[in-house]
């Protein structure tokens, strides 16, 4: 029996549950888990029979060699590398499954992927991914009953840098209703819910230069403290706190004093006014340096676990003129895993909707229904609540799946 080989580009938190799921599928016995540092890949492969570790920088020329020698590649690496991975896969005629949104760069590769005869399936993680599966189910159920959607938001996160995009009165982003299969929608808003203060915090970090991903040699200099790094990033006259705060006031535009106080408190929590050395947090740019710091500050402690909540809310108008609201909620405790691994099994099994070449997303029942069955087999299920838009409590009922 021919062995199916999967190349997992990464060995971080997302890669581990992906590898575990792959190894539970007996028809996928061989794994390669590369990263820049071999030791990290070896830790991932340790204790996992049939998992092979190798060192590979996704920005190196070796990527083509490795991608071409596998049946499929899953890249749980930052989305900025995905276009390069897909280009390599096109050259090597290797299928790709990602958990990220389809970027403009990936859209441009659709024709080349079709010409190469490969499938590039995207948006099959938790968000985006699981959210699609239940949104498509709700939309399809309503359409089958003759319903029309009068309002349909869907949370979308690509990056903090993305500007807000929406369809207003049928203009602005004409492809959205077709993609979401809601042709009757005239206004569609895509956005992400954030904790209060998040936009102001992120904007101020951008203004101070902390989200700059351009390579810089100086953040890796030995002996630098956080105050010195803050001074260099903002061009403050000194590393004294008063001078650093003065630069914050010069570079950032706060709507009120409370907003400023909240941001400064956040900087203190991150240690930006500390004389502590960067120690193991030095990276090749400010964004990665800050990310390394936050990774340490936000690490789960013993006994803690993560929580993911997804919710869709639809207002549907039925043929008789009545309206109801459908709320679909999914709650995931613990480690949700990487659902790209589930999608890949269908792709490699030759499941017809997954075998279509080109850049794909799970926005049709043909793709979403079997994927939803896969995740529900893993114990992950959503609960729907439907109620008529009425003051009568007798018209409310709950439906669970």
Protein backbone atom coordinates (compact mmCIF):
# COMPACT_ATOMS: atom_id res chain seq x y z
CA UNK A 1 0.00 0.00 0.00
CA UNK A 2 1.40 3.39 -1.01
CA UNK A 3 2.13 5.54 2.00
CA UNK A 4 0.73 9.07 2.07
CA UNK A 5 3.22 11.67 3.20
CA UNK A 6 2.30 14.97 4.85
CA UNK A 7 4.63 17.92 5.31
CA UNK A 8 3.74 20.02 8.36
CA UNK A 9 5.63 23.30 8.16
CA UNK A 10 6.09 24.21 11.80
CA UNK A 11 6.39 22.73 15.26
CA UNK A 12 4.53 25.18 17.48
CA UNK A 13 1.31 25.02 19.46
CA UNK A 14 -0.90 24.52 16.39
CA UNK A 15 1.32 21.87 14.83
CA UNK A 16 1.25 19.47 17.79
CA UNK A 17 -2.49 18.59 17.76
CA UNK A 18 -2.35 18.48 13.98
CA UNK A 19 0.42 15.87 14.07
CA UNK A 20 -1.44 13.84 16.70
CA UNK A 21 -4.57 13.76 14.57
CA UNK A 22 -2.63 12.76 11.47
CA UNK A 23 -0.93 9.88 13.27
CA UNK A 24 -4.30 8.53 14.40
CA UNK A 25 -5.20 7.99 10.75
CA UNK A 26 -3.68 4.66 9.80
CA UNK A 27 -3.56 5.53 6.11
CA UNK A 28 -1.27 8.50 6.86
CA UNK A 29 1.68 6.84 8.59
CA UNK A 30 4.51 9.19 7.68
CA UNK A 31 4.98 12.76 8.92
CA UNK A 32 7.67 15.38 8.38
CA UNK A 33 7.63 18.29 10.78
CA UNK A 34 10.20 20.88 9.77
CA UNK A 35 11.13 24.18 11.32
CA UNK A 36 14.19 26.42 11.47
CA UNK A 37 15.52 24.72 14.59
CA UNK A 38 15.82 20.95 14.43
CA UNK A 39 15.51 20.57 18.21
CA UNK A 40 11.99 22.02 18.17
CA UNK A 41 10.91 19.59 15.46
CA UNK A 42 12.56 16.71 17.32
CA UNK A 43 10.60 17.54 20.47
CA UNK A 44 7.41 17.43 18.43
CA UNK A 45 8.30 14.08 16.84
CA UNK A 46 9.52 12.53 20.10
CA UNK A 47 7.27 9.70 21.24
CA UNK A 48 5.26 9.81 18.04
CA UNK A 49 6.02 6.77 15.86
CA UNK A 50 6.13 7.45 12.13
CA UNK A 51 6.68 11.18 12.67
CA UNK A 52 9.90 12.42 11.14
CA UNK A 53 11.66 15.64 12.19
CA UNK A 54 13.76 17.77 9.91
CA UNK A 55 14.98 21.38 9.93
CA UNK A 56 13.67 23.63 7.19
CA UNK A 57 13.38 27.39 6.83
CA UNK A 58 10.22 28.14 4.82
CA UNK A 59 11.99 31.08 3.22
CA UNK A 60 14.85 28.92 1.90
CA UNK A 61 15.33 27.30 -1.49
CA UNK A 62 15.06 23.87 0.16
CA UNK A 63 11.31 24.40 0.47
CA UNK A 64 10.71 23.31 -3.15
CA UNK A 65 12.58 20.04 -2.64
CA UNK A 66 10.63 19.09 0.47
CA UNK A 67 7.21 20.20 -0.79
CA UNK A 68 7.58 18.32 -4.08
CA UNK A 69 8.45 15.08 -2.26
CA UNK A 70 5.18 15.00 -0.28
CA UNK A 71 1.54 14.41 -1.17
CA UNK A 72 0.23 17.34 0.83
CA UNK A 73 1.57 20.26 2.85
CA UNK A 74 -0.04 21.87 5.92
CA UNK A 75 1.63 25.17 6.87
CA UNK A 76 0.76 26.18 10.47
CA UNK A 77 3.13 29.12 10.11
CA UNK A 78 2.28 32.86 9.94
CA UNK A 79 0.01 33.59 6.98
CA UNK A 80 2.59 35.91 5.43
CA UNK A 81 4.46 32.77 4.31
CA UNK A 82 1.45 31.01 2.80
CA UNK A 83 1.72 32.53 -0.68
CA UNK A 84 5.34 31.34 -0.92
CA UNK A 85 4.31 27.87 0.25
CA UNK A 86 1.53 27.69 -2.34
CA UNK A 87 3.87 28.85 -5.11
CA UNK A 88 6.24 26.06 -4.12
CA UNK A 89 3.33 23.60 -4.07
CA UNK A 90 2.30 24.70 -7.56
CA UNK A 91 5.81 24.00 -8.81
CA UNK A 92 5.85 20.62 -7.07
CA UNK A 93 2.18 19.76 -7.84
CA UNK A 94 1.46 19.18 -4.14
CA UNK A 95 -1.91 19.83 -2.47
CA UNK A 96 -2.13 22.42 0.33
CA UNK A 97 -4.46 22.83 3.33
CA UNK A 98 -4.29 25.97 5.48
CA UNK A 99 -6.23 27.40 8.41
CA UNK A 100 -5.89 31.03 7.29
CA UNK A 101 -8.09 33.38 5.32
CA UNK A 102 -7.60 33.62 1.58
CA UNK A 103 -5.43 36.68 1.09
CA UNK A 104 -5.27 38.70 -2.15
CA UNK A 105 -1.90 37.06 -2.80
CA UNK A 106 -3.50 33.60 -2.64
CA UNK A 107 -6.38 34.69 -4.87
CA UNK A 108 -3.86 35.60 -7.55
CA UNK A 109 -2.56 32.01 -7.48
CA UNK A 110 -5.94 30.41 -8.24
CA UNK A 111 -5.35 30.07 -11.99
CA UNK A 112 -1.85 28.67 -11.49
CA UNK A 113 -3.14 26.15 -8.93
CA UNK A 114 -5.82 24.99 -11.37
CA UNK A 115 -3.25 24.65 -14.14
CA UNK A 116 -1.07 22.55 -11.83
CA UNK A 117 -4.07 20.41 -10.90
CA UNK A 118 -3.67 20.97 -7.16
CA UNK A 119 -6.21 21.86 -4.49
CA UNK A 120 -5.41 24.70 -2.10
CA UNK A 121 -8.05 24.42 0.62
CA UNK A 122 -8.07 27.33 3.07
CA UNK A 123 -9.98 28.56 6.13
CA UNK A 124 -10.35 25.15 7.79
CA UNK A 125 -9.23 25.97 11.33
CA UNK A 126 -11.33 27.06 14.28
CA UNK A 127 -11.81 30.65 13.12
CA UNK A 128 -11.93 30.76 10.19
CA UNK A 129 -13.22 27.26 9.65
CA UNK A 130 -15.61 25.85 12.22
CA UNK A 131 -17.50 29.16 12.07
CA UNK A 132 -18.06 28.61 8.33
CA UNK A 133 -19.43 25.13 8.87
CA UNK A 134 -22.28 26.23 11.12
CA UNK A 135 -22.93 29.49 9.26
CA UNK A 136 -23.36 27.58 5.99
CA UNK A 137 -25.64 25.06 7.72
CA UNK A 138 -27.88 27.79 9.13
CA UNK A 139 -27.98 29.70 5.83
CA UNK A 140 -28.78 26.53 3.85
CA UNK A 141 -31.51 25.43 6.29
CA UNK A 142 -33.17 28.84 6.10
CA UNK A 143 -33.02 28.94 2.29
CA UNK A 144 -34.50 25.44 2.09
CA UNK A 145 -37.48 26.70 4.10
CA UNK A 146 -37.91 29.71 1.83
CA UNK A 147 -36.35 32.15 4.27
CA UNK A 148 -34.34 35.24 3.45
CA UNK A 149 -31.69 36.86 5.62
CA UNK A 150 -32.23 40.48 6.60
CA UNK A 151 -28.99 40.69 8.62
CA UNK A 152 -25.94 38.47 8.63
CA UNK A 153 -22.65 39.37 10.34
CA UNK A 154 -19.68 37.01 10.43
CA UNK A 155 -16.61 37.52 12.57
CA UNK A 156 -13.47 37.68 10.51
CA UNK A 157 -9.94 38.07 11.70
CA UNK A 158 -7.07 38.39 9.29
CA UNK A 159 -4.80 40.77 11.16
CA UNK A 160 -4.89 43.85 13.30
CA UNK A 161 -3.70 45.84 10.31
CA UNK A 162 -6.73 45.14 8.15
CA UNK A 163 -9.04 48.06 7.53
CA UNK A 164 -12.76 47.50 8.06
CA UNK A 165 -14.57 46.30 4.93
CA UNK A 166 -18.28 46.00 4.39
CA UNK A 167 -20.95 45.85 1.71
CA UNK A 168 -23.43 48.73 1.90
CA UNK A 169 -26.61 48.74 -0.20
CA UNK A 170 -25.13 46.19 -2.57
CA UNK A 171 -22.01 48.20 -3.34
CA UNK A 172 -18.40 48.07 -2.23
CA UNK A 173 -17.59 44.37 -1.97
CA UNK A 174 -19.81 42.73 -4.53
CA UNK A 175 -18.43 39.18 -4.16
CA UNK A 176 -19.31 38.80 -0.50
CA UNK A 177 -23.01 37.83 -0.78
CA UNK A 178 -22.21 35.26 -3.47
CA UNK A 179 -19.36 33.77 -1.46
CA UNK A 180 -21.50 33.55 1.66
CA UNK A 181 -24.43 32.27 -0.42
CA UNK A 182 -26.75 35.08 0.71
CA UNK A 183 -27.63 36.75 -2.62
CA UNK A 184 -30.52 38.68 -1.06
CA UNK A 185 -28.31 40.50 1.47
CA UNK A 186 -27.82 44.19 0.68
CA UNK A 187 -25.63 45.02 3.67
CA UNK A 188 -22.98 42.61 4.96
CA UNK A 189 -20.55 43.57 7.72
CA UNK A 190 -17.47 41.47 8.47
CA UNK A 191 -15.72 42.20 11.72
CA UNK A 192 -14.19 40.89 14.93
CA UNK A 193 -15.40 41.48 18.45
CA UNK A 194 -12.64 42.84 20.68
CA UNK A 195 -12.30 43.66 24.33
CA UNK A 196 -12.93 47.32 25.07
CA UNK A 197 -9.80 49.35 24.45
CA UNK A 198 -8.20 46.89 22.03
CA UNK A 199 -8.32 49.12 18.91
CA UNK A 200 -6.76 52.06 20.77
CA UNK A 201 -4.07 49.81 22.24
CA UNK A 202 -3.12 48.33 18.88
CA UNK A 203 -3.14 51.73 17.16
CA UNK A 204 -0.80 53.15 19.82
CA UNK A 205 1.56 50.16 19.50
CA UNK A 206 1.67 50.80 15.75
CA UNK A 207 2.37 54.50 16.34
CA UNK A 208 5.27 53.60 18.63
CA UNK A 209 6.71 51.19 16.08
CA UNK A 210 6.19 48.01 18.09
CA UNK A 211 4.33 46.24 15.28
CA UNK A 212 7.05 46.90 12.71
CA UNK A 213 8.03 43.63 11.03
CA UNK A 214 10.91 45.08 9.00
CA UNK A 215 14.21 43.32 9.82
CA UNK A 216 16.40 45.31 12.20
CA UNK A 217 19.77 44.18 13.58
CA UNK A 218 19.75 46.30 16.72
CA UNK A 219 16.94 44.55 18.70
CA UNK A 220 19.24 41.51 18.86
CA UNK A 221 22.09 43.48 20.46
CA UNK A 222 23.24 41.95 23.74
CA UNK A 223 22.57 43.77 26.98
CA UNK A 224 19.67 45.90 25.74
CA UNK A 225 17.01 46.66 28.34
CA UNK A 226 13.32 47.19 27.60
CA UNK A 227 13.63 50.91 28.31
CA UNK A 228 16.56 51.17 25.89
CA UNK A 229 14.59 49.26 23.27
CA UNK A 230 11.62 51.57 23.78
CA UNK A 231 13.96 54.57 23.47
CA UNK A 232 15.42 53.27 20.20
CA UNK A 233 12.02 52.38 18.77
CA UNK A 234 10.52 55.81 19.48
CA UNK A 235 13.65 57.95 19.06
CA UNK A 236 13.30 59.27 22.61
CA UNK A 237 16.18 61.48 23.85
CA UNK A 238 16.95 59.04 26.69
CA UNK A 239 15.74 55.84 28.32
CA UNK A 240 14.34 57.75 31.30
CA UNK A 241 10.66 57.10 31.91
CA UNK A 242 9.77 60.79 31.60
CA UNK A 243 11.33 60.97 28.13
CA UNK A 244 9.68 57.73 27.05
CA UNK A 245 6.27 58.97 28.21
CA UNK A 246 6.82 62.27 26.43
CA UNK A 247 7.38 60.38 23.17
CA UNK A 248 4.22 58.36 23.78
CA UNK A 249 2.29 61.63 24.02
CA UNK A 250 3.96 62.99 20.88
CA UNK A 251 3.43 59.91 18.71
CA UNK A 252 0.03 58.68 19.90
CA UNK A 253 -3.37 60.32 19.61
CA UNK A 254 -5.59 59.38 22.55
CA UNK A 255 -9.26 60.32 22.66
CA UNK A 256 -9.16 61.02 26.39
CA UNK A 257 -6.92 60.84 29.44
CA UNK A 258 -8.45 57.53 30.52
CA UNK A 259 -7.47 55.97 27.20
CA UNK A 260 -3.91 57.22 27.68
CA UNK A 261 -3.75 55.89 31.24
CA UNK A 262 -5.00 52.49 30.09
CA UNK A 263 -2.36 52.30 27.37
CA UNK A 264 0.48 53.38 29.67
CA UNK A 265 -0.68 50.77 32.20
CA UNK A 266 -0.49 48.21 29.40
CA UNK A 267 3.07 49.26 28.58
CA UNK A 268 4.01 48.88 32.25
CA UNK A 269 2.48 45.40 32.34
CA UNK A 270 4.51 44.47 29.26
CA UNK A 271 7.63 45.80 30.98
CA UNK A 272 8.38 48.62 28.55
CA UNK A 273 9.53 50.93 31.39
CA UNK A 274 11.66 48.23 32.98
CA UNK A 275 15.46 48.17 33.10
CA UNK A 276 15.23 44.39 32.78
CA UNK A 277 17.30 42.98 29.92
CA UNK A 278 15.51 41.55 26.90
CA UNK A 279 17.21 38.25 27.75
CA UNK A 280 15.74 35.55 25.49
CA UNK A 281 13.21 37.86 23.86
CA UNK A 282 15.54 39.38 21.26
CA UNK A 283 14.34 38.87 17.72
CA UNK A 284 15.12 40.27 14.30
CA UNK A 285 12.42 42.94 14.41
CA UNK A 286 10.26 44.79 16.93
CA UNK A 287 7.08 42.85 16.20
CA UNK A 288 8.71 39.49 16.91
CA UNK A 289 10.47 40.89 19.98
CA UNK A 290 7.15 42.07 21.42
CA UNK A 291 5.50 38.76 20.46
CA UNK A 292 8.17 36.80 22.32
CA UNK A 293 7.60 38.97 25.39
CA UNK A 294 3.84 38.48 25.28
CA UNK A 295 4.25 34.76 24.72
CA UNK A 296 6.00 34.57 28.08
CA UNK A 297 3.57 36.86 29.88
CA UNK A 298 0.46 35.12 28.57
CA UNK A 299 1.61 31.53 28.91
CA UNK A 300 -0.91 29.14 30.47
CA UNK A 301 -0.18 28.29 34.08
CA UNK A 302 -0.66 24.88 35.68
CA UNK A 303 -4.35 23.97 35.67
CA UNK A 304 -5.35 26.66 33.17
CA UNK A 305 -6.92 25.89 29.81
CA UNK A 306 -8.06 27.88 26.82
CA UNK A 307 -11.61 28.69 25.77
CA UNK A 308 -12.89 29.41 22.28
CA UNK A 309 -16.43 30.68 21.71
CA UNK A 310 -17.97 31.16 18.27
CA UNK A 311 -21.40 32.64 17.67
CA UNK A 312 -23.50 33.49 14.63
CA UNK A 313 -26.73 35.43 14.82
CA UNK A 314 -29.15 35.62 11.90
CA UNK A 315 -32.48 37.38 11.43
CA UNK A 316 -34.50 35.43 8.85
CA UNK A 317 -37.69 36.49 7.09
CA UNK A 318 -39.92 33.59 6.00
CA UNK A 319 -42.29 33.53 2.99
CA UNK A 320 -45.31 34.26 5.23
CA UNK A 321 -43.70 37.52 6.34
CA UNK A 322 -42.79 36.32 9.82
CA UNK A 323 -39.26 36.73 11.17
CA UNK A 324 -37.17 34.65 13.49
CA UNK A 325 -33.70 34.93 14.93
CA UNK A 326 -31.27 32.03 14.82
CA UNK A 327 -28.31 32.07 17.18
CA UNK A 328 -25.69 29.35 16.76
CA UNK A 329 -23.12 29.06 19.54
CA UNK A 330 -20.06 26.82 19.79
CA UNK A 331 -18.00 26.52 22.97
CA UNK A 332 -14.65 24.75 22.94
CA UNK A 333 -12.66 24.10 26.10
CA UNK A 334 -9.12 22.86 26.18
CA UNK A 335 -7.11 22.30 23.04
CA UNK A 336 -9.26 22.65 19.93
CA UNK A 337 -6.62 21.12 17.67
CA UNK A 338 -6.03 21.79 14.03
CA UNK A 339 -9.03 20.94 11.86
CA UNK A 340 -6.89 21.24 8.75
CA UNK A 341 -5.84 17.69 9.53
CA UNK A 342 -9.44 16.52 9.18
CA UNK A 343 -9.84 18.34 5.89
CA UNK A 344 -6.69 16.78 4.48
CA UNK A 345 -7.98 13.24 5.00
CA UNK A 346 -10.93 13.96 2.70
CA UNK A 347 -8.70 15.68 0.17
CA UNK A 348 -6.33 12.71 -0.01
CA UNK A 349 -9.19 10.21 -0.03
CA UNK A 350 -10.33 11.81 -3.27
CA UNK A 351 -13.58 13.20 -1.82
CA UNK A 352 -15.04 14.94 -4.89
CA UNK A 353 -15.75 18.48 -3.56
CA UNK A 354 -12.24 18.57 -2.09
CA UNK A 355 -10.59 17.34 -5.28
CA UNK A 356 -11.43 20.41 -7.36
CA UNK A 357 -8.23 22.23 -8.32
CA UNK A 358 -7.68 25.86 -7.40
CA UNK A 359 -7.89 28.03 -4.29
CA UNK A 360 -10.94 26.91 -2.27
CA UNK A 361 -12.76 27.94 0.91
CA UNK A 362 -15.45 26.00 2.85
CA UNK A 363 -18.48 28.08 1.89
CA UNK A 364 -20.72 25.44 0.30
CA UNK A 365 -22.75 22.58 1.83
CA UNK A 366 -20.82 20.09 -0.34
CA UNK A 367 -17.61 20.95 1.52
CA UNK A 368 -19.00 22.04 4.90
CA UNK A 369 -21.36 19.12 5.61
CA UNK A 370 -18.72 16.35 5.57
CA UNK A 371 -16.26 18.55 7.45
CA UNK A 372 -18.87 19.25 10.12
CA UNK A 373 -19.47 15.51 10.45
CA UNK A 374 -15.73 15.05 10.98
CA UNK A 375 -15.44 17.59 13.79
CA UNK A 376 -18.63 16.37 15.45
CA UNK A 377 -17.15 12.89 15.46
CA UNK A 378 -14.38 14.47 17.58
CA UNK A 379 -16.99 15.66 20.10
CA UNK A 380 -17.17 19.24 18.84
CA UNK A 381 -20.76 20.33 18.32
CA UNK A 382 -22.63 23.61 18.16
CA UNK A 383 -25.97 24.44 19.76
CA UNK A 384 -28.62 26.41 17.87
CA UNK A 385 -31.32 28.53 19.44
CA UNK A 386 -34.14 29.73 17.22
CA UNK A 387 -36.91 32.08 18.28
CA UNK A 388 -39.52 34.16 16.55
CA UNK A 389 -39.11 37.93 16.71
CA UNK A 390 -42.05 38.29 19.07
CA UNK A 391 -42.78 39.24 22.65
CA UNK A 392 -44.44 35.89 23.26
CA UNK A 393 -42.15 33.50 25.18
CA UNK A 394 -44.23 30.56 23.98
CA UNK A 395 -42.78 31.01 20.51
CA UNK A 396 -39.23 30.22 21.64
CA UNK A 397 -37.62 26.83 21.40
CA UNK A 398 -34.10 25.42 21.53
CA UNK A 399 -32.55 22.95 19.12
CA UNK A 400 -29.22 21.27 19.88
CA UNK A 401 -27.00 19.30 17.51
